[in-house]
Amino acid sequence: MIQITGLTKIYRRGRPPALLDLTFDTRPGAVTALLGAEGAGKTTALRLMVELERGQGVTLFDGRTYRRLRRPEHEVGVLLPAGRPLAGHPGRRARSHLRMLAGAVGVPARRADELLEQTRLAAVAGHRLRSFSPGMHRRLALAAALLGSPGTLLLDCPTEDLSPRNTDWFHSFLRSFAASGGTVLVTTRTPQEASGLADRVVTLDRGRLLADQPVAEFRRTRLHPEVAVRGPQMARLADLLVEQGGQVRRDGGAGIAVSGVGRTEIGELAYRHGILLHELADRVVEQPIPYPVLPAASGRSGHVRVQFQPAAHSPIPADRPSPEQALDQTLPDQALPEQTLRAAVTTPQPDSRPDSRPDHWSE
């Protein structure tokens, strides 16, 4: 189990924090996805968890911080970007590279051979790393993280820029690892991947926790299924679909996106009326992140009142607080620089904040 409490990181005075009071838990037997766009703070969060960077807050792996683990490589497997796509020196062979790491970790060389089989790299174990594809490099890096047989995996965008085949393999492997009792925390930029892979989705936006939801609730609130239709007679088909109770919007020059009517029904309707179709496909689109009324209060850290400007793409309804109104945030007991966040430590009133953290931000 991983307990993350109050992770906060500020890189420069006068700039917004890269991460602000991130607090959530991950449990064994489940895959937890940390979702956010580029710059949301996902990689920073993982680096703080394994203490590669200094910041505020604490992360406990089964009750101990990473530095307190006697043999961390045997308890936590980590896959972080190293600034280049290669898993090791391009002149080394995969088997010798992994056996070298096995010796450093303190496990027998046969463990490296087992992992080459497990990650489907045994056939190319004698090849030099310069000949590996991006997917093979990523699988070799995963094998290195598994050398110590850890019960927890931390992976930063492991499927980014991979082929669909390699992505499916990674998803199957991570789900199997969790099903065997392991704990998996993986970051991703796409809601679709989070929906298909994770059991729980934690959403970050500009370093702030927006939602911590079971995947079923995440799909209901953040993802919207629709059917993409293209052809030369879309105006006529759109009129027919509206009569059937569907919701239609324009999608490009010769296409429409349809909600409320299934793909099969659309195809049958077009056939009955002699309408030619060039494309008819199901897809899932992302809905905008709801504007948070209150930040996620962890109940495990101090209370700080913070003022910040909302995102330009997130309009504030009339009944929502204005940007000038202070929102109760949670941070570790040390107060951050006032000139950085215009923050002042306050004592919360009994009725000023909820008794427990909400699972997600609702309208």
Protein backbone atom coordinates (compact mmCIF):
# COMPACT_ATOMS: atom_id res chain seq x y z
CA MET A 1 0.00 0.00 0.00
CA ILE A 2 1.17 3.52 -0.79
CA GLN A 3 0.03 6.48 1.32
CA ILE A 4 0.76 9.87 -0.24
CA THR A 5 0.23 12.86 2.04
CA GLY A 6 0.66 16.55 1.26
CA LEU A 7 3.23 16.30 -1.54
CA THR A 8 4.18 19.85 -2.50
CA LYS A 9 6.94 21.13 -4.77
CA ILE A 10 7.88 24.73 -5.62
CA TYR A 11 10.74 25.16 -8.07
CA ARG A 12 11.07 28.94 -7.99
CA ARG A 13 9.89 31.81 -5.86
CA GLY A 14 7.09 33.82 -7.38
CA ARG A 15 5.97 30.92 -9.59
CA PRO A 16 2.96 28.65 -9.05
CA PRO A 17 3.75 25.36 -7.32
CA ALA A 18 4.46 22.37 -9.55
CA LEU A 19 2.57 20.26 -7.02
CA LEU A 20 0.28 21.40 -4.23
CA ASP A 21 -0.78 19.16 -1.32
CA LEU A 22 -1.26 15.96 -3.31
CA THR A 23 -2.87 13.37 -1.05
CA PHE A 24 -4.29 9.97 -1.95
CA ASP A 25 -3.79 6.24 -1.31
CA THR A 26 -3.16 3.27 -3.56
CA ARG A 27 -4.07 -0.24 -2.45
CA PRO A 28 -2.77 -3.72 -3.25
CA GLY A 29 -4.59 -5.64 -5.93
CA ALA A 30 -5.49 -2.52 -7.91
CA VAL A 31 -4.09 -0.30 -10.64
CA THR A 32 -4.24 3.41 -9.83
CA ALA A 33 -3.81 5.89 -12.68
CA LEU A 34 -2.45 9.39 -12.06
CA LEU A 35 -4.05 11.33 -14.90
CA GLY A 36 -3.10 14.79 -16.13
CA ALA A 37 -1.94 16.78 -19.12
CA GLU A 38 1.71 17.61 -19.71
CA GLY A 39 2.92 19.83 -16.88
CA ALA A 40 0.20 18.69 -14.45
CA GLY A 41 2.81 17.42 -11.97
CA LYS A 42 2.68 13.64 -12.55
CA THR A 43 6.42 13.05 -12.97
CA THR A 44 7.20 15.47 -10.14
CA ALA A 45 4.89 13.48 -7.87
CA LEU A 46 6.65 10.19 -8.63
CA ARG A 47 10.09 11.73 -8.12
CA LEU A 48 8.99 13.10 -4.76
CA MET A 49 7.63 9.70 -3.75
CA VAL A 50 11.02 8.00 -4.24
CA GLU A 51 12.87 11.07 -2.89
CA LEU A 52 14.71 11.94 -6.08
CA GLU A 53 13.67 15.54 -5.41
CA ARG A 54 13.28 17.52 -2.22
CA GLY A 55 9.88 18.88 -1.34
CA GLN A 56 7.21 18.85 1.31
CA GLY A 57 4.96 15.97 2.25
CA VAL A 58 5.58 12.28 2.82
CA THR A 59 5.05 9.00 0.96
CA LEU A 60 4.83 5.72 2.87
CA PHE A 61 5.36 2.31 1.28
CA ASP A 62 3.72 -0.12 3.71
CA GLY A 63 4.34 2.35 6.52
CA ARG A 64 7.92 3.39 5.64
CA THR A 65 9.43 6.12 3.49
CA TYR A 66 11.52 5.10 0.50
CA ARG A 67 14.80 5.89 2.24
CA ARG A 68 13.72 3.78 5.23
CA LEU A 69 13.26 0.68 3.09
CA ARG A 70 16.12 -1.72 3.78
CA ARG A 71 16.30 -2.95 0.18
CA PRO A 72 14.05 -0.63 -1.82
CA GLU A 73 14.65 -2.37 -5.16
CA HIS A 74 13.11 -5.51 -3.62
CA GLU A 75 9.97 -3.65 -2.54
CA VAL A 76 9.38 -0.87 -5.10
CA GLY A 77 10.01 -1.16 -8.82
CA VAL A 78 10.41 2.23 -10.52
CA LEU A 79 10.21 3.11 -14.22
CA LEU A 80 10.92 6.80 -14.79
CA PRO A 81 12.03 8.57 -17.99
CA ALA A 82 15.82 8.89 -18.09
CA GLY A 83 15.93 11.65 -20.69
CA ARG A 84 16.46 9.24 -23.59
CA PRO A 85 14.47 6.34 -25.01
CA LEU A 86 17.22 3.71 -24.54
CA ALA A 87 17.04 1.25 -21.64
CA GLY A 88 20.84 1.12 -21.43
CA HIS A 89 24.04 1.69 -23.38
CA PRO A 90 23.33 1.11 -27.09
CA GLY A 91 26.42 -1.10 -27.46
CA ARG A 92 25.42 -3.57 -24.73
CA ARG A 93 23.44 -6.72 -25.34
CA ALA A 94 20.10 -7.13 -23.59
CA ARG A 95 21.07 -10.25 -21.60
CA SER A 96 24.40 -8.87 -20.37
CA HIS A 97 22.78 -5.54 -19.50
CA LEU A 98 20.07 -7.17 -17.40
CA ARG A 99 22.51 -9.59 -15.73
CA MET A 100 24.72 -6.64 -14.78
CA LEU A 101 21.73 -4.95 -13.11
CA ALA A 102 20.81 -8.23 -11.41
CA GLY A 103 24.25 -8.34 -9.82
CA ALA A 104 23.84 -4.76 -8.60
CA VAL A 105 20.46 -5.60 -7.08
CA GLY A 106 21.79 -8.77 -5.50
CA VAL A 107 19.74 -11.41 -7.34
CA PRO A 108 21.05 -14.38 -9.33
CA ALA A 109 21.62 -14.13 -13.07
CA ARG A 110 18.83 -16.64 -13.74
CA ARG A 111 16.36 -13.96 -12.55
CA ALA A 112 17.42 -11.83 -15.53
CA ASP A 113 16.84 -14.75 -17.87
CA GLU A 114 13.39 -15.34 -16.35
CA LEU A 115 12.41 -11.72 -16.90
CA LEU A 116 13.61 -11.77 -20.51
CA GLU A 117 11.18 -14.65 -21.05
CA GLN A 118 8.42 -12.90 -19.11
CA THR A 119 8.76 -9.68 -21.11
CA ARG A 120 9.01 -11.57 -24.43
CA LEU A 121 12.59 -10.49 -25.08
CA ALA A 122 14.29 -13.91 -24.90
CA ALA A 123 14.47 -14.18 -28.69
CA VAL A 124 16.48 -10.92 -28.92
CA ALA A 125 18.45 -11.29 -25.68
CA GLY A 126 21.71 -11.45 -27.62
CA HIS A 127 21.00 -8.35 -29.70
CA ARG A 128 22.56 -4.97 -28.98
CA LEU A 129 20.27 -2.33 -27.56
CA ARG A 130 20.84 0.01 -30.51
CA SER A 131 18.73 -2.36 -32.62
CA PHE A 132 15.77 -2.34 -30.22
CA SER A 133 12.45 -0.67 -31.01
CA PRO A 134 10.92 1.78 -28.49
CA GLY A 135 8.57 -0.94 -27.26
CA MET A 136 11.46 -3.36 -26.67
CA HIS A 137 13.40 -0.70 -24.77
CA ARG A 138 10.37 -0.05 -22.58
CA ARG A 139 9.91 -3.77 -21.85
CA LEU A 140 13.60 -4.12 -20.98
CA ALA A 141 13.29 -1.17 -18.58
CA LEU A 142 10.27 -2.87 -17.02
CA ALA A 143 12.30 -6.08 -16.63
CA ALA A 144 14.99 -4.06 -14.81
CA ALA A 145 12.36 -2.66 -12.43
CA LEU A 146 11.16 -6.21 -11.68
CA LEU A 147 14.57 -7.73 -10.88
CA GLY A 148 14.06 -7.53 -7.12
CA SER A 149 10.55 -9.06 -7.30
CA PRO A 150 8.93 -5.93 -5.83
CA GLY A 151 5.33 -5.83 -4.67
CA THR A 152 4.84 -2.23 -5.85
CA LEU A 153 5.37 -0.66 -9.26
CA LEU A 154 5.66 3.07 -10.03
CA LEU A 155 5.62 3.78 -13.77
CA ASP A 156 5.69 7.13 -15.51
CA CYS A 157 3.78 7.04 -18.84
CA PRO A 158 5.03 3.53 -19.72
CA THR A 159 2.97 3.29 -22.92
CA GLU A 160 3.60 6.78 -24.31
CA ASP A 161 4.45 6.71 -28.04
CA LEU A 162 4.19 2.90 -28.19
CA SER A 163 2.35 0.90 -30.82
CA PRO A 164 -1.14 -0.40 -30.01
CA ARG A 165 0.28 -3.92 -29.75
CA ASN A 166 2.90 -2.92 -27.16
CA THR A 167 0.36 -0.81 -25.31
CA ASP A 168 -2.04 -3.76 -25.03
CA TRP A 169 0.80 -5.94 -23.76
CA PHE A 170 1.72 -3.41 -21.06
CA HIS A 171 -1.90 -3.09 -19.97
CA SER A 172 -2.33 -6.87 -19.71
CA PHE A 173 0.92 -7.22 -17.76
CA LEU A 174 0.04 -4.47 -15.26
CA ARG A 175 -3.45 -5.84 -14.69
CA SER A 176 -1.99 -9.32 -14.11
CA PHE A 177 0.58 -7.89 -11.68
CA ALA A 178 -2.20 -6.19 -9.70
CA ALA A 179 -4.41 -9.31 -9.82
CA SER A 180 -1.60 -11.26 -8.14
CA GLY A 181 -1.69 -8.84 -5.18
CA GLY A 182 0.70 -6.14 -6.38
CA THR A 183 0.25 -2.39 -6.12
CA VAL A 184 0.50 -0.39 -9.35
CA LEU A 185 0.66 3.39 -9.72
CA VAL A 186 0.95 4.51 -13.34
CA THR A 187 0.78 7.97 -14.89
CA THR A 188 -0.96 8.75 -18.15
CA ARG A 189 -2.06 11.75 -20.21
CA THR A 190 -5.13 10.23 -21.86
CA PRO A 191 -8.46 9.61 -20.10
CA GLN A 192 -9.15 6.75 -22.49
CA GLU A 193 -6.06 4.86 -21.30
CA ALA A 194 -6.88 5.54 -17.66
CA SER A 195 -10.39 4.22 -18.21
CA GLY A 196 -9.20 1.02 -19.87
CA LEU A 197 -6.33 0.24 -17.51
CA ALA A 198 -7.03 1.50 -14.00
CA ASP A 199 -9.33 0.53 -11.16
CA ARG A 200 -9.09 4.04 -9.71
CA VAL A 201 -8.25 7.35 -11.39
CA VAL A 202 -6.63 10.32 -9.64
CA THR A 203 -6.87 13.49 -11.75
CA LEU A 204 -4.29 16.29 -11.54
CA ASP A 205 -4.52 19.76 -13.07
CA ARG A 206 -1.64 22.23 -12.72
CA GLY A 207 -0.35 20.40 -9.66
CA ARG A 208 -3.69 20.25 -7.84
CA LEU A 209 -5.80 17.21 -7.10
CA LEU A 210 -9.13 17.55 -8.89
CA ALA A 211 -10.70 14.14 -8.39
CA ASP A 212 -10.06 10.70 -6.90
CA GLN A 213 -12.64 8.35 -8.41
CA PRO A 214 -13.39 4.68 -9.01
CA VAL A 215 -13.08 3.94 -12.70
CA ALA A 216 -16.85 3.44 -13.15
CA GLU A 217 -17.53 6.92 -11.79
CA PHE A 218 -14.67 8.33 -13.85
CA ARG A 219 -16.14 6.91 -17.05
CA ARG A 220 -19.55 8.37 -16.22
CA THR A 221 -18.30 11.87 -15.43
CA ARG A 222 -15.29 12.31 -17.73
CA LEU A 223 -15.89 10.17 -20.81
CA HIS A 224 -18.66 10.48 -23.36
CA PRO A 225 -19.39 7.74 -25.94
CA GLU A 226 -20.45 8.78 -29.43
CA VAL A 227 -20.49 7.52 -33.01
CA ALA A 228 -18.42 9.12 -35.76
CA VAL A 229 -20.19 9.13 -39.13
CA ARG A 230 -18.83 10.39 -42.46
CA GLY A 231 -20.32 10.48 -45.94
CA PRO A 232 -21.67 12.76 -48.69
CA GLN A 233 -25.24 13.05 -47.34
CA MET A 234 -24.67 13.96 -43.70
CA ALA A 235 -27.22 16.79 -43.60
CA ARG A 236 -30.04 14.42 -44.56
CA LEU A 237 -28.85 11.74 -42.12
CA ALA A 238 -28.58 14.31 -39.33
CA ASP A 239 -32.24 15.29 -39.79
CA LEU A 240 -33.28 11.63 -39.58
CA LEU A 241 -31.18 11.05 -36.45
CA VAL A 242 -32.66 14.09 -34.70
CA GLU A 243 -36.14 12.68 -35.42
CA GLN A 244 -35.00 9.45 -33.73
CA GLY A 245 -34.03 11.38 -30.60
CA GLY A 246 -30.29 11.53 -31.25
CA GLN A 247 -27.95 14.42 -30.53
CA VAL A 248 -25.89 15.45 -33.55
CA ARG A 249 -22.97 17.82 -33.89
CA ARG A 250 -20.74 18.62 -36.83
CA ASP A 251 -17.39 16.83 -36.91
CA GLY A 252 -15.12 18.12 -39.64
CA GLY A 253 -16.09 18.98 -43.18
CA ALA A 254 -18.01 15.82 -44.13
CA GLY A 255 -18.75 14.19 -40.80
CA ILE A 256 -21.05 14.25 -37.80
CA ALA A 257 -20.77 12.96 -34.23
CA VAL A 258 -23.89 11.28 -32.87
CA SER A 259 -24.90 10.62 -29.26
CA GLY A 260 -27.98 8.79 -28.03
CA VAL A 261 -28.25 6.44 -31.02
CA GLY A 262 -26.14 3.29 -31.38
CA ARG A 263 -23.86 2.51 -34.28
CA THR A 264 -26.05 -0.39 -35.46
CA GLU A 265 -29.19 1.75 -35.48
CA ILE A 266 -27.40 4.48 -37.43
CA GLY A 267 -26.23 1.98 -40.05
CA GLU A 268 -29.71 0.48 -40.45
CA LEU A 269 -31.28 3.94 -40.70
CA ALA A 270 -28.81 4.99 -43.40
CA TYR A 271 -29.42 1.74 -45.35
CA ARG A 272 -33.21 2.12 -45.28
CA HIS A 273 -32.97 5.64 -46.71
CA GLY A 274 -30.25 4.88 -49.24
CA ILE A 275 -27.60 7.07 -47.60
CA LEU A 276 -24.00 6.22 -48.47
CA LEU A 277 -21.57 6.05 -45.51
CA HIS A 278 -17.79 6.28 -45.69
CA GLU A 279 -17.20 5.83 -41.95
CA LEU A 280 -19.25 4.49 -39.04
CA ALA A 281 -17.27 3.95 -35.84
CA ASP A 282 -17.72 4.08 -32.07
CA ARG A 283 -15.40 6.35 -30.11
CA VAL A 284 -15.04 7.94 -26.73
CA VAL A 285 -14.37 11.65 -26.23
CA GLU A 286 -13.18 13.46 -23.15
CA GLN A 287 -15.47 15.83 -21.31
CA PRO A 288 -13.95 18.97 -19.78
CA ILE A 289 -12.67 18.80 -16.22
CA PRO A 290 -15.29 20.22 -13.86
CA TYR A 291 -14.32 23.40 -12.04
CA PRO A 292 -13.53 22.45 -8.41
CA VAL A 293 -15.62 24.28 -5.84
CA LEU A 294 -13.34 23.15 -3.02
CA PRO A 295 -9.90 21.54 -3.06
CA ALA A 296 -9.37 17.97 -1.88
CA ALA A 297 -8.92 18.14 1.88
CA SER A 298 -6.78 15.23 3.00
CA GLY A 299 -7.41 15.51 6.73
CA ARG A 300 -3.79 14.44 7.20
CA SER A 301 -1.95 17.77 6.81
CA GLY A 302 -2.17 21.38 7.99
CA HIS A 303 -4.62 23.94 6.64
CA VAL A 304 -3.56 26.81 4.42
CA ARG A 305 -5.75 29.37 2.73
CA VAL A 306 -4.59 29.94 -0.83
CA GLN A 307 -5.69 32.34 -3.56
CA PHE A 308 -5.19 31.39 -7.21
CA GLN A 309 -6.61 32.16 -10.63
CA PRO A 310 -8.70 29.43 -12.33
CA ALA A 311 -7.84 28.15 -15.78
CA ALA A 312 -8.90 30.37 -18.66
CA HIS A 313 -10.81 27.49 -20.25
CA SER A 314 -12.83 26.82 -17.10
CA PRO A 315 -15.51 29.53 -16.76
CA ILE A 316 -16.83 30.14 -13.27
CA PRO A 317 -20.60 30.00 -12.93
CA ALA A 318 -22.35 32.81 -11.13
CA ASP A 319 -22.92 30.71 -8.01
CA ARG A 320 -19.24 29.72 -7.76
CA PRO A 321 -16.62 31.60 -5.70
CA SER A 322 -14.76 34.33 -7.55
CA PRO A 323 -10.98 34.06 -8.02
CA GLU A 324 -10.53 36.71 -5.34
CA GLN A 325 -12.21 34.56 -2.73
CA ALA A 326 -9.90 32.33 -0.74
CA LEU A 327 -10.20 28.56 -1.02
CA ASP A 328 -9.19 26.26 1.80
CA GLN A 329 -6.24 24.14 0.67
CA THR A 330 -4.25 21.59 2.67
CA LEU A 331 -0.48 21.63 2.95
CA PRO A 332 2.12 20.21 5.33
CA ASP A 333 2.53 22.09 8.56
CA GLN A 334 5.35 24.27 7.18
CA ALA A 335 3.90 27.39 5.55
CA LEU A 336 5.01 28.14 1.99
CA PRO A 337 6.52 31.54 1.07
CA GLU A 338 3.86 34.19 1.22
CA GLN A 339 5.10 35.91 -1.94
CA THR A 340 4.81 32.59 -3.81
CA LEU A 341 1.24 31.64 -3.00
CA ARG A 342 -0.11 34.62 -1.04
CA ALA A 343 -0.84 31.98 1.58
CA ALA A 344 -1.57 32.49 5.23
CA VAL A 345 -1.91 29.70 7.75
CA THR A 346 -5.38 29.74 9.24
CA THR A 347 -7.36 27.84 11.78
CA PRO A 348 -10.41 26.31 10.06
CA GLN A 349 -13.79 26.86 11.60
CA PRO A 350 -15.78 23.77 12.57
CA ASP A 351 -18.29 24.33 9.79
CA SER A 352 -15.89 25.73 7.16
CA ARG A 353 -14.68 22.48 5.65
CA PRO A 354 -16.16 19.01 5.17
CA ASP A 355 -15.51 16.19 7.62
CA SER A 356 -13.98 13.99 4.96
CA ARG A 357 -12.47 14.29 1.53
CA PRO A 358 -15.00 14.04 -1.32
CA ASP A 359 -14.36 11.39 -3.91
CA HIS A 360 -14.75 13.86 -6.78
CA TRP A 361 -15.81 17.38 -7.57
CA SER A 362 -19.41 17.58 -8.52
CA GLU A 363 -21.38 20.37 -10.04
